């Protein structure tokens, strides 16, 4: 009847798994958080003559960076899970929000 279209079996066989979908979404969220964190660092570097360096802020920024990368890498262990809990999916959103808050203010102090 529909000779030009693939069969339904072929379409579902090639569909992505739930892990691939969630890991892709988490990767996008993590990349947005890293982009925000690194763009804040670049902004501080560009205006270094007007900003006083703070070791406390630098340590928080490094910690946020390591937490984001570690969180992203830790999701690989979930590749065999068939059903996902909401906290497994929402935790990257919480970490992204923390990364944005680290560099929220323009002046270190």
PDB file of N, CA and C in Angstrom:
ATOM      1  N   UNK A   1       0.818  -1.183   0.000  1.00  0.00           N
ATOM      2  CA  UNK A   1       0.000   0.000   0.000  1.00  0.00           C
ATOM      3  C   UNK A   1       0.869   1.256   0.000  1.00  0.00           C
ATOM      4  N   UNK A   2       1.839   1.348   0.940  1.00  0.00           N
ATOM      5  CA  UNK A   2       2.756   2.485   0.978  1.00  0.00           C
ATOM      6  C   UNK A   2       4.122   1.980   0.554  1.00  0.00           C
ATOM      7  N   UNK A   3       4.320   1.834  -0.698  1.00  0.00           N
ATOM      8  CA  UNK A   3       5.540   1.192  -1.184  1.00  0.00           C
ATOM      9  C   UNK A   3       6.790   2.058  -1.003  1.00  0.00           C
ATOM     10  N   UNK A   4       6.661   3.352  -0.948  1.00  0.00           N
ATOM     11  CA  UNK A   4       7.824   4.222  -0.833  1.00  0.00           C
ATOM     12  C   UNK A   4       8.288   4.472   0.593  1.00  0.00           C
ATOM     13  N   UNK A   5       7.570   3.980   1.591  1.00  0.00           N
ATOM     14  CA  UNK A   5       7.888   4.254   2.986  1.00  0.00           C
ATOM     15  C   UNK A   5       8.475   3.017   3.650  1.00  0.00           C
ATOM     16  N   UNK A   6       9.357   3.191   4.620  1.00  0.00           N
ATOM     17  CA  UNK A   6       9.896   2.022   5.333  1.00  0.00           C
ATOM     18  C   UNK A   6       8.813   1.396   6.208  1.00  0.00           C
ATOM     19  N   UNK A   7       8.968   0.124   6.485  1.00  0.00           N
ATOM     20  CA  UNK A   7       7.989  -0.562   7.325  1.00  0.00           C
ATOM     21  C   UNK A   7       8.099  -0.069   8.761  1.00  0.00           C
ATOM     22  N   UNK A   8       7.039  -0.245   9.520  1.00  0.00           N
ATOM     23  CA  UNK A   8       7.022   0.195  10.907  1.00  0.00           C
ATOM     24  C   UNK A   8       8.074  -0.532  11.726  1.00  0.00           C
ATOM     25  N   UNK A   9       8.321  -1.790  11.408  1.00  0.00           N
ATOM     26  CA  UNK A   9       9.340  -2.558  12.117  1.00  0.00           C
ATOM     27  C   UNK A   9      10.725  -1.938  11.912  1.00  0.00           C
ATOM     28  N   UNK A  10      11.019  -1.498  10.720  1.00  0.00           N
ATOM     29  CA  UNK A  10      12.304  -0.887  10.426  1.00  0.00           C
ATOM     30  C   UNK A  10      12.455   0.440  11.171  1.00  0.00           C
ATOM     31  N   UNK A  11      11.403   1.224  11.251  1.00  0.00           N
ATOM     32  CA  UNK A  11      11.462   2.521  11.926  1.00  0.00           C
ATOM     33  C   UNK A  11      11.706   2.330  13.416  1.00  0.00           C
ATOM     34  N   UNK A  12      11.006   1.428  14.078  1.00  0.00           N
ATOM     35  CA  UNK A  12      11.163   1.227  15.515  1.00  0.00           C
ATOM     36  C   UNK A  12      12.461   0.533  15.865  1.00  0.00           C
ATOM     37  N   UNK A  13      12.976  -0.270  14.965  1.00  0.00           N
ATOM     38  CA  UNK A  13      14.244  -0.951  15.226  1.00  0.00           C
ATOM     39  C   UNK A  13      15.391   0.050  15.311  1.00  0.00           C
ATOM     40  N   UNK A  14      15.324   1.117  14.539  1.00  0.00           N
ATOM     41  CA  UNK A  14      16.384   2.109  14.498  1.00  0.00           C
ATOM     42  C   UNK A  14      16.169   3.256  15.485  1.00  0.00           C
ATOM     43  N   UNK A  15      15.119   3.208  16.291  1.00  0.00           N
ATOM     44  CA  UNK A  15      14.849   4.284  17.251  1.00  0.00           C
ATOM     45  C   UNK A  15      15.911   4.291  18.350  1.00  0.00           C
ATOM     46  N   UNK A  16      16.126   5.459  18.923  1.00  0.00           N
ATOM     47  CA  UNK A  16      17.127   5.564  19.985  1.00  0.00           C
ATOM     48  C   UNK A  16      16.560   5.006  21.287  1.00  0.00           C
ATOM     49  N   UNK A  17      17.449   4.576  22.156  1.00  0.00           N
ATOM     50  CA  UNK A  17      17.032   4.062  23.455  1.00  0.00           C
ATOM     51  C   UNK A  17      16.756   5.230  24.395  1.00  0.00           C
ATOM     52  N   UNK A  18      16.140   4.938  25.527  1.00  0.00           N
ATOM     53  CA  UNK A  18      15.862   6.004  26.490  1.00  0.00           C
ATOM     54  C   UNK A  18      17.160   6.584  27.047  1.00  0.00           C
ATOM     55  N   UNK A  19      18.190   5.741  27.210  1.00  0.00           N
ATOM     56  CA  UNK A  19      19.475   6.250  27.692  1.00  0.00           C
ATOM     57  C   UNK A  19      20.075   7.241  26.700  1.00  0.00           C
ATOM     58  N   UNK A  20      20.033   6.912  25.425  1.00  0.00           N
ATOM     59  CA  UNK A  20      20.593   7.814  24.413  1.00  0.00           C
ATOM     60  C   UNK A  20      19.857   9.149  24.401  1.00  0.00           C
ATOM     61  N   UNK A  21      18.534   9.100  24.564  1.00  0.00           N
ATOM     62  CA  UNK A  21      17.751  10.332  24.586  1.00  0.00           C
ATOM     63  C   UNK A  21      18.102  11.180  25.803  1.00  0.00           C
ATOM     64  N   UNK A  22      18.094  10.563  27.000  1.00  0.00           N
ATOM     65  CA  UNK A  22      18.365  11.301  28.234  1.00  0.00           C
ATOM     66  C   UNK A  22      19.815  11.778  28.257  1.00  0.00           C
ATOM     67  N   UNK A  23      20.746  10.939  27.824  1.00  0.00           N
ATOM     68  CA  UNK A  23      22.157  11.339  27.815  1.00  0.00           C
ATOM     69  C   UNK A  23      22.383  12.485  26.833  1.00  0.00           C
ATOM     70  N   UNK A  24      21.689  12.475  25.715  1.00  0.00           N
ATOM     71  CA  UNK A  24      21.778  13.591  24.772  1.00  0.00           C
ATOM     72  C   UNK A  24      21.253  14.878  25.374  1.00  0.00           C
ATOM     73  N   UNK A  25      20.119  14.782  26.080  1.00  0.00           N
ATOM     74  CA  UNK A  25      19.554  15.959  26.727  1.00  0.00           C
ATOM     75  C   UNK A  25      20.494  16.478  27.821  1.00  0.00           C
ATOM     76  N   UNK A  26      21.052  15.568  28.607  1.00  0.00           N
ATOM     77  CA  UNK A  26      21.978  15.956  29.672  1.00  0.00           C
ATOM     78  C   UNK A  26      23.242  16.578  29.073  1.00  0.00           C
ATOM     79  N   UNK A  27      23.694  16.056  27.940  1.00  0.00           N
ATOM     80  CA  UNK A  27      24.873  16.625  27.284  1.00  0.00           C
ATOM     81  C   UNK A  27      24.622  18.054  26.827  1.00  0.00           C
ATOM     82  N   UNK A  28      23.438  18.321  26.321  1.00  0.00           N
ATOM     83  CA  UNK A  28      23.102  19.683  25.897  1.00  0.00           C
ATOM     84  C   UNK A  28      23.065  20.617  27.102  1.00  0.00           C
ATOM     85  N   UNK A  29      22.437  20.177  28.189  1.00  0.00           N
ATOM     86  CA  UNK A  29      22.353  21.005  29.392  1.00  0.00           C
ATOM     87  C   UNK A  29      23.745  21.262  29.962  1.00  0.00           C
ATOM     88  N   UNK A  30      24.579  20.216  29.997  1.00  0.00           N
ATOM     89  CA  UNK A  30      25.939  20.369  30.512  1.00  0.00           C
ATOM     90  C   UNK A  30      26.746  21.319  29.636  1.00  0.00           C
ATOM     91  N   UNK A  31      26.577  21.219  28.329  1.00  0.00           N
ATOM     92  CA  UNK A  31      27.327  22.121  27.442  1.00  0.00           C
ATOM     93  C   UNK A  31      26.880  23.569  27.613  1.00  0.00           C
ATOM     94  N   UNK A  32      25.594  23.795  27.883  1.00  0.00           N
ATOM     95  CA  UNK A  32      25.132  25.162  28.151  1.00  0.00           C
ATOM     96  C   UNK A  32      25.734  25.703  29.445  1.00  0.00           C
ATOM     97  N   UNK A  33      25.801  24.855  30.464  1.00  0.00           N
ATOM     98  CA  UNK A  33      26.390  25.281  31.734  1.00  0.00           C
ATOM     99  C   UNK A  33      27.880  25.576  31.577  1.00  0.00           C
ATOM    100  N   UNK A  34      28.580  24.723  30.850  1.00  0.00           N
ATOM    101  CA  UNK A  34      30.008  24.954  30.625  1.00  0.00           C
ATOM    102  C   UNK A  34      30.246  26.211  29.800  1.00  0.00           C
ATOM    103  N   UNK A  35      29.384  26.446  28.838  1.00  0.00           N
ATOM    104  CA  UNK A  35      29.499  27.658  28.035  1.00  0.00           C
ATOM    105  C   UNK A  35      29.333  28.896  28.899  1.00  0.00           C
ATOM    106  N   UNK A  36      28.352  28.872  29.779  1.00  0.00           N
ATOM    107  CA  UNK A  36      28.118  30.003  30.671  1.00  0.00           C
ATOM    108  C   UNK A  36      29.294  30.213  31.624  1.00  0.00           C
ATOM    109  N   UNK A  37      29.793  29.115  32.153  1.00  0.00           N
ATOM    110  CA  UNK A  37      30.913  29.193  33.092  1.00  0.00           C
ATOM    111  C   UNK A  37      32.169  29.730  32.415  1.00  0.00           C
ATOM    112  N   UNK A  38      32.479  29.197  31.243  1.00  0.00           N
ATOM    113  CA  UNK A  38      33.691  29.638  30.540  1.00  0.00           C
ATOM    114  C   UNK A  38      33.550  31.043  29.973  1.00  0.00           C
ATOM    115  N   UNK A  39      32.350  31.428  29.538  1.00  0.00           N
ATOM    116  CA  UNK A  39      32.182  32.795  29.050  1.00  0.00           C
ATOM    117  C   UNK A  39      32.314  33.796  30.195  1.00  0.00           C
ATOM    118  N   UNK A  40      31.883  33.404  31.391  1.00  0.00           N
ATOM    119  CA  UNK A  40      32.107  34.265  32.554  1.00  0.00           C
ATOM    120  C   UNK A  40      33.583  34.421  32.868  1.00  0.00           C
ATOM    121  N   UNK A  41      34.336  33.329  32.743  1.00  0.00           N
ATOM    122  CA  UNK A  41      35.789  33.400  32.960  1.00  0.00           C
ATOM    123  C   UNK A  41      36.461  34.293  31.920  1.00  0.00           C
ATOM    124  N   UNK A  42      36.026  34.186  30.681  1.00  0.00           N
ATOM    125  CA  UNK A  42      36.589  35.025  29.619  1.00  0.00           C
ATOM    126  C   UNK A  42      36.253  36.492  29.875  1.00  0.00           C
ATOM    127  N   UNK A  43      35.027  36.757  30.338  1.00  0.00           N
ATOM    128  CA  UNK A  43      34.648  38.132  30.669  1.00  0.00           C
ATOM    129  C   UNK A  43      35.490  38.705  31.791  1.00  0.00           C
ATOM    130  N   UNK A  44      35.770  37.873  32.788  1.00  0.00           N
ATOM    131  CA  UNK A  44      36.639  38.336  33.872  1.00  0.00           C
ATOM    132  C   UNK A  44      38.055  38.586  33.381  1.00  0.00           C
ATOM    133  N   UNK A  45      38.545  37.738  32.488  1.00  0.00           N
ATOM    134  CA  UNK A  45      39.890  37.906  31.948  1.00  0.00           C
ATOM    135  C   UNK A  45      39.984  39.185  31.107  1.00  0.00           C
ATOM    136  N   UNK A  46      38.959  39.450  30.317  1.00  0.00           N
ATOM    137  CA  UNK A  46      38.980  40.644  29.458  1.00  0.00           C
ATOM    138  C   UNK A  46      38.980  41.939  30.266  1.00  0.00           C
ATOM    139  N   UNK A  47      38.329  41.917  31.413  1.00  0.00           N
ATOM    140  CA  UNK A  47      38.242  43.115  32.249  1.00  0.00           C
ATOM    141  C   UNK A  47      39.086  42.967  33.515  1.00  0.00           C
ATOM    142  N   UNK A  48      40.206  42.277  33.388  1.00  0.00           N
ATOM    143  CA  UNK A  48      41.054  41.977  34.546  1.00  0.00           C
ATOM    144  C   UNK A  48      41.589  43.231  35.224  1.00  0.00           C
ATOM    145  N   UNK A  49      41.800  44.302  34.472  1.00  0.00           N
ATOM    146  CA  UNK A  49      42.357  45.513  35.088  1.00  0.00           C
ATOM    147  C   UNK A  49      41.340  46.206  35.992  1.00  0.00           C
ATOM    148  N   UNK A  50      40.054  45.902  35.847  1.00  0.00           N
ATOM    149  CA  UNK A  50      39.015  46.525  36.665  1.00  0.00           C
ATOM    150  C   UNK A  50      38.502  45.606  37.778  1.00  0.00           C
ATOM    151  N   UNK A  51      38.983  44.387  37.814  1.00  0.00           N
ATOM    152  CA  UNK A  51      38.454  43.390  38.749  1.00  0.00           C
ATOM    153  C   UNK A  51      39.562  42.911  39.670  1.00  0.00           C
ATOM    154  N   UNK A  52      39.235  42.809  40.931  1.00  0.00           N
ATOM    155  CA  UNK A  52      40.178  42.296  41.913  1.00  0.00           C
ATOM    156  C   UNK A  52      40.049  40.770  41.947  1.00  0.00           C
ATOM    157  N   UNK A  53      41.179  40.070  41.876  1.00  0.00           N
ATOM    158  CA  UNK A  53      41.179  38.609  41.875  1.00  0.00           C
ATOM    159  C   UNK A  53      40.795  38.075  43.251  1.00  0.00           C
ATOM    160  N   UNK A  54      39.974  37.026  43.253  1.00  0.00           N
ATOM    161  CA  UNK A  54      39.549  36.401  44.495  1.00  0.00           C
ATOM    162  C   UNK A  54      39.802  34.898  44.405  1.00  0.00           C
ATOM    163  N   UNK A  55      40.605  34.385  45.328  1.00  0.00           N
ATOM    164  CA  UNK A  55      40.870  32.941  45.337  1.00  0.00           C
ATOM    165  C   UNK A  55      39.607  32.162  45.656  1.00  0.00           C
ATOM    166  N   UNK A  56      38.769  32.731  46.505  1.00  0.00           N
ATOM    167  CA  UNK A  56      37.523  32.057  46.844  1.00  0.00           C
ATOM    168  C   UNK A  56      36.648  31.864  45.604  1.00  0.00           C
ATOM    169  N   UNK A  57      36.513  32.907  44.808  1.00  0.00           N
ATOM    170  CA  UNK A  57      35.712  32.819  43.578  1.00  0.00           C
ATOM    171  C   UNK A  57      36.364  31.869  42.574  1.00  0.00           C
ATOM    172  N   UNK A  58      37.691  31.894  42.481  1.00  0.00           N
ATOM    173  CA  UNK A  58      38.401  30.998  41.563  1.00  0.00           C
ATOM    174  C   UNK A  58      38.202  29.532  41.974  1.00  0.00           C
ATOM    175  N   UNK A  59      38.231  29.263  43.268  1.00  0.00           N
ATOM    176  CA  UNK A  59      38.010  27.884  43.744  1.00  0.00           C
ATOM    177  C   UNK A  59      36.583  27.432  43.482  1.00  0.00           C
ATOM    178  N   UNK A  60      35.612  28.327  43.693  1.00  0.00           N
ATOM    179  CA  UNK A  60      34.219  27.978  43.394  1.00  0.00           C
ATOM    180  C   UNK A  60      34.023  27.717  41.905  1.00  0.00           C
ATOM    181  N   UNK A  61      34.665  28.499  41.082  1.00  0.00           N
ATOM    182  CA  UNK A  61      34.549  28.305  39.636  1.00  0.00           C
ATOM    183  C   UNK A  61      35.170  26.980  39.217  1.00  0.00           C
ATOM    184  N   UNK A  62      36.350  26.674  39.755  1.00  0.00           N
ATOM    185  CA  UNK A  62      36.990  25.393  39.439  1.00  0.00           C
ATOM    186  C   UNK A  62      36.149  24.219  39.936  1.00  0.00           C
ATOM    187  N   UNK A  63      35.551  24.360  41.107  1.00  0.00           N
ATOM    188  CA  UNK A  63      34.702  23.303  41.653  1.00  0.00           C
ATOM    189  C   UNK A  63      33.461  23.095  40.787  1.00  0.00           C
ATOM    190  N   UNK A  64      32.847  24.188  40.343  1.00  0.00           N
ATOM    191  CA  UNK A  64      31.671  24.077  39.475  1.00  0.00           C
ATOM    192  C   UNK A  64      32.046  23.395  38.158  1.00  0.00           C
ATOM    193  N   UNK A  65      33.203  23.741  37.612  1.00  0.00           N
ATOM    194  CA  UNK A  65      33.674  23.125  36.376  1.00  0.00           C
ATOM    195  C   UNK A  65      33.874  21.623  36.558  1.00  0.00           C
ATOM    196  N   UNK A  66      34.536  21.235  37.640  1.00  0.00           N
ATOM    197  CA  UNK A  66      34.789  19.809  37.889  1.00  0.00           C
ATOM    198  C   UNK A  66      33.495  19.049  38.183  1.00  0.00           C
ATOM    199  N   UNK A  67      32.573  19.690  38.901  1.00  0.00           N
ATOM    200  CA  UNK A  67      31.290  19.041  39.173  1.00  0.00           C
ATOM    201  C   UNK A  67      30.490  18.811  37.900  1.00  0.00           C
ATOM    202  N   UNK A  68      30.486  19.781  37.017  1.00  0.00           N
ATOM    203  CA  UNK A  68      29.760  19.620  35.755  1.00  0.00           C
ATOM    204  C   UNK A  68      30.331  18.480  34.927  1.00  0.00           C
ATOM    205  N   UNK A  69      31.655  18.446  34.788  1.00  0.00           N
ATOM    206  CA  UNK A  69      32.265  17.371  34.003  1.00  0.00           C
ATOM    207  C   UNK A  69      32.095  16.010  34.671  1.00  0.00           C
ATOM    208  N   UNK A  70      32.257  15.962  35.988  1.00  0.00           N
ATOM    209  CA  UNK A  70      32.087  14.709  36.701  1.00  0.00           C
ATOM    210  C   UNK A  70      30.659  14.205  36.660  1.00  0.00           C
ATOM    211  N   UNK A  71      29.701  15.133  36.766  1.00  0.00           N
ATOM    212  CA  UNK A  71      28.297  14.761  36.685  1.00  0.00           C
ATOM    213  C   UNK A  71      27.964  14.205  35.307  1.00  0.00           C
ATOM    214  N   UNK A  72      28.457  14.850  34.276  1.00  0.00           N
ATOM    215  CA  UNK A  72      28.196  14.381  32.916  1.00  0.00           C
ATOM    216  C   UNK A  72      28.798  12.990  32.698  1.00  0.00           C
ATOM    217  N   UNK A  73      30.019  12.789  33.152  1.00  0.00           N
ATOM    218  CA  UNK A  73      30.682  11.501  32.967  1.00  0.00           C
ATOM    219  C   UNK A  73      30.031  10.396  33.801  1.00  0.00           C
ATOM    220  N   UNK A  74      29.465  10.750  34.946  1.00  0.00           N
ATOM    221  CA  UNK A  74      28.872   9.728  35.815  1.00  0.00           C
ATOM    222  C   UNK A  74      27.587   9.155  35.252  1.00  0.00           C
ATOM    223  N   UNK A  75      26.976   9.811  34.284  1.00  0.00           N
ATOM    224  CA  UNK A  75      25.734   9.293  33.719  1.00  0.00           C
ATOM    225  C   UNK A  75      25.952   8.070  32.830  1.00  0.00           C
ATOM    226  N   UNK A  76      27.177   7.766  32.507  1.00  0.00           N
ATOM    227  CA  UNK A  76      27.441   6.588  31.677  1.00  0.00           C
ATOM    228  C   UNK A  76      27.020   5.303  32.385  1.00  0.00           C
ATOM    229  N   UNK A  77      27.090   5.283  33.721  1.00  0.00           N
ATOM    230  CA  UNK A  77      26.716   4.080  34.469  1.00  0.00           C
ATOM    231  C   UNK A  77      25.215   3.793  34.381  1.00  0.00           C
ATOM    232  N   UNK A  78      24.417   4.750  33.929  1.00  0.00           N
ATOM    233  CA  UNK A  78      22.975   4.562  33.803  1.00  0.00           C
ATOM    234  C   UNK A  78      22.557   3.987  32.448  1.00  0.00           C
ATOM    235  N   UNK A  79      23.489   3.550  31.626  1.00  0.00           N
ATOM    236  CA  UNK A  79      23.162   3.113  30.275  1.00  0.00           C
ATOM    237  C   UNK A  79      22.280   1.870  30.216  1.00  0.00           C
ATOM    238  N   UNK A  80      22.221   1.073  31.290  1.00  0.00           N
ATOM    239  CA  UNK A  80      21.397  -0.136  31.294  1.00  0.00           C
ATOM    240  C   UNK A  80      20.030   0.066  31.930  1.00  0.00           C
ATOM    241  N   UNK A  81      19.731   1.270  32.411  1.00  0.00           N
ATOM    242  CA  UNK A  81      18.442   1.538  33.053  1.00  0.00           C
ATOM    243  C   UNK A  81      17.360   1.676  31.985  1.00  0.00           C
ATOM    244  N   UNK A  82      16.228   1.007  32.222  1.00  0.00           N
ATOM    245  CA  UNK A  82      15.105   1.092  31.279  1.00  0.00           C
ATOM    246  C   UNK A  82      14.107   2.178  31.676  1.00  0.00           C
ATOM    247  N   UNK A  83      13.858   2.350  32.978  1.00  0.00           N
ATOM    248  CA  UNK A  83      12.926   3.369  33.470  1.00  0.00           C
ATOM    249  C   UNK A  83      13.709   4.422  34.253  1.00  0.00           C
ATOM    250  N   UNK A  84      13.455   5.676  33.953  1.00  0.00           N
ATOM    251  CA  UNK A  84      14.193   6.776  34.564  1.00  0.00           C
ATOM    252  C   UNK A  84      13.363   7.452  35.632  1.00  0.00           C
ATOM    253  N   UNK A  85      14.010   7.803  36.758  1.00  0.00           N
ATOM    254  CA  UNK A  85      13.355   8.600  37.791  1.00  0.00           C
ATOM    255  C   UNK A  85      13.546  10.076  37.448  1.00  0.00           C
ATOM    256  N   UNK A  86      12.666  10.908  37.986  1.00  0.00           N
ATOM    257  CA  UNK A  86      12.733  12.339  37.684  1.00  0.00           C
ATOM    258  C   UNK A  86      14.030  12.960  38.203  1.00  0.00           C
ATOM    259  N   UNK A  87      14.509  12.525  39.356  1.00  0.00           N
ATOM    260  CA  UNK A  87      15.730  13.116  39.923  1.00  0.00           C
ATOM    261  C   UNK A  87      16.947  12.810  39.054  1.00  0.00           C
ATOM    262  N   UNK A  88      16.953  11.660  38.371  1.00  0.00           N
ATOM    263  CA  UNK A  88      18.066  11.327  37.479  1.00  0.00           C
ATOM    264  C   UNK A  88      18.146  12.303  36.313  1.00  0.00           C
ATOM    265  N   UNK A  89      17.011  12.757  35.857  1.00  0.00           N
ATOM    266  CA  UNK A  89      16.977  13.657  34.710  1.00  0.00           C
ATOM    267  C   UNK A  89      17.127  15.118  35.132  1.00  0.00           C
ATOM    268  N   UNK A  90      16.620  15.490  36.298  1.00  0.00           N
ATOM    269  CA  UNK A  90      16.606  16.891  36.717  1.00  0.00           C
ATOM    270  C   UNK A  90      17.882  17.357  37.404  1.00  0.00           C
ATOM    271  N   UNK A  91      18.717  16.448  37.864  1.00  0.00           N
ATOM    272  CA  UNK A  91      19.930  16.867  38.575  1.00  0.00           C
ATOM    273  C   UNK A  91      20.868  17.729  37.725  1.00  0.00           C
ATOM    274  N   UNK A  92      21.021  17.505  36.414  1.00  0.00           N
ATOM    275  CA  UNK A  92      21.862  18.428  35.636  1.00  0.00           C
ATOM    276  C   UNK A  92      21.313  19.853  35.600  1.00  0.00           C
ATOM    277  N   UNK A  93      20.000  20.004  35.665  1.00  0.00           N
ATOM    278  CA  UNK A  93      19.430  21.346  35.695  1.00  0.00           C
ATOM    279  C   UNK A  93      19.826  22.079  36.966  1.00  0.00           C
ATOM    280  N   UNK A  94      19.854  21.354  38.077  1.00  0.00           N
ATOM    281  CA  UNK A  94      20.247  21.953  39.349  1.00  0.00           C
ATOM    282  C   UNK A  94      21.711  22.377  39.296  1.00  0.00           C
ATOM    283  N   UNK A  95      22.578  21.519  38.746  1.00  0.00           N
ATOM    284  CA  UNK A  95      23.996  21.854  38.648  1.00  0.00           C
ATOM    285  C   UNK A  95      24.232  23.019  37.697  1.00  0.00           C
ATOM    286  N   UNK A  96      23.460  23.102  36.615  1.00  0.00           N
ATOM    287  CA  UNK A  96      23.611  24.219  35.687  1.00  0.00           C
ATOM    288  C   UNK A  96      23.260  25.525  36.384  1.00  0.00           C
ATOM    289  N   UNK A  97      22.224  25.510  37.185  1.00  0.00           N
ATOM    290  CA  UNK A  97      21.813  26.714  37.904  1.00  0.00           C
ATOM    291  C   UNK A  97      22.909  27.168  38.870  1.00  0.00           C
ATOM    292  N   UNK A  98      23.570  26.222  39.522  1.00  0.00           N
ATOM    293  CA  UNK A  98      24.654  26.571  40.429  1.00  0.00           C
ATOM    294  C   UNK A  98      25.834  27.165  39.673  1.00  0.00           C
ATOM    295  N   UNK A  99      26.115  26.642  38.486  1.00  0.00           N
ATOM    296  CA  UNK A  99      27.221  27.177  37.689  1.00  0.00           C
ATOM    297  C   UNK A  99      26.930  28.607  37.264  1.00  0.00           C
ATOM    298  N   UNK A 100      25.678  28.909  36.961  1.00  0.00           N
ATOM    299  CA  UNK A 100      25.315  30.274  36.586  1.00  0.00           C
ATOM    300  C   UNK A 100      25.462  31.203  37.781  1.00  0.00           C
ATOM    301  N   UNK A 101      25.107  30.720  38.978  1.00  0.00           N
ATOM    302  CA  UNK A 101      25.191  31.560  40.177  1.00  0.00           C
ATOM    303  C   UNK A 101      26.624  31.861  40.584  1.00  0.00           C
ATOM    304  N   UNK A 102      27.568  30.989  40.241  1.00  0.00           N
ATOM    305  CA  UNK A 102      28.965  31.211  40.632  1.00  0.00           C
ATOM    306  C   UNK A 102      29.494  32.496  40.010  1.00  0.00           C
ATOM    307  N   UNK A 103      29.174  32.738  38.766  1.00  0.00           N
ATOM    308  CA  UNK A 103      29.706  33.913  38.062  1.00  0.00           C
ATOM    309  C   UNK A 103      28.656  35.006  37.859  1.00  0.00           C
ATOM    310  N   UNK A 104      27.644  35.036  38.698  1.00  0.00           N
ATOM    311  CA  UNK A 104      26.545  35.989  38.524  1.00  0.00           C
ATOM    312  C   UNK A 104      27.016  37.425  38.681  1.00  0.00           C
ATOM    313  N   UNK A 105      27.749  37.743  39.736  1.00  0.00           N
ATOM    314  CA  UNK A 105      28.146  39.126  39.961  1.00  0.00           C
ATOM    315  C   UNK A 105      29.388  39.471  39.160  1.00  0.00           C
ATOM    316  N   UNK A 106      29.520  40.715  38.796  1.00  0.00           N
ATOM    317  CA  UNK A 106      30.631  41.129  37.969  1.00  0.00           C
ATOM    318  C   UNK A 106      31.939  41.347  38.710  1.00  0.00           C
ATOM    319  N   UNK A 107      31.874  41.636  39.997  1.00  0.00           N
ATOM    320  CA  UNK A 107      33.079  41.942  40.751  1.00  0.00           C
ATOM    321  C   UNK A 107      33.347  40.845  41.766  1.00  0.00           C
ATOM    322  N   UNK A 108      34.586  40.379  41.797  1.00  0.00           N
ATOM    323  CA  UNK A 108      34.974  39.374  42.786  1.00  0.00           C
ATOM    324  C   UNK A 108      35.232  40.074  44.107  1.00  0.00           C
ATOM    325  N   UNK A 109      34.941  39.383  45.174  1.00  0.00           N
ATOM    326  CA  UNK A 109      35.167  40.067  46.421  1.00  0.00           C
ATOM    327  C   UNK A 109      34.836  39.237  47.527  1.00  0.00           C
TER     328      UNK A 109
END
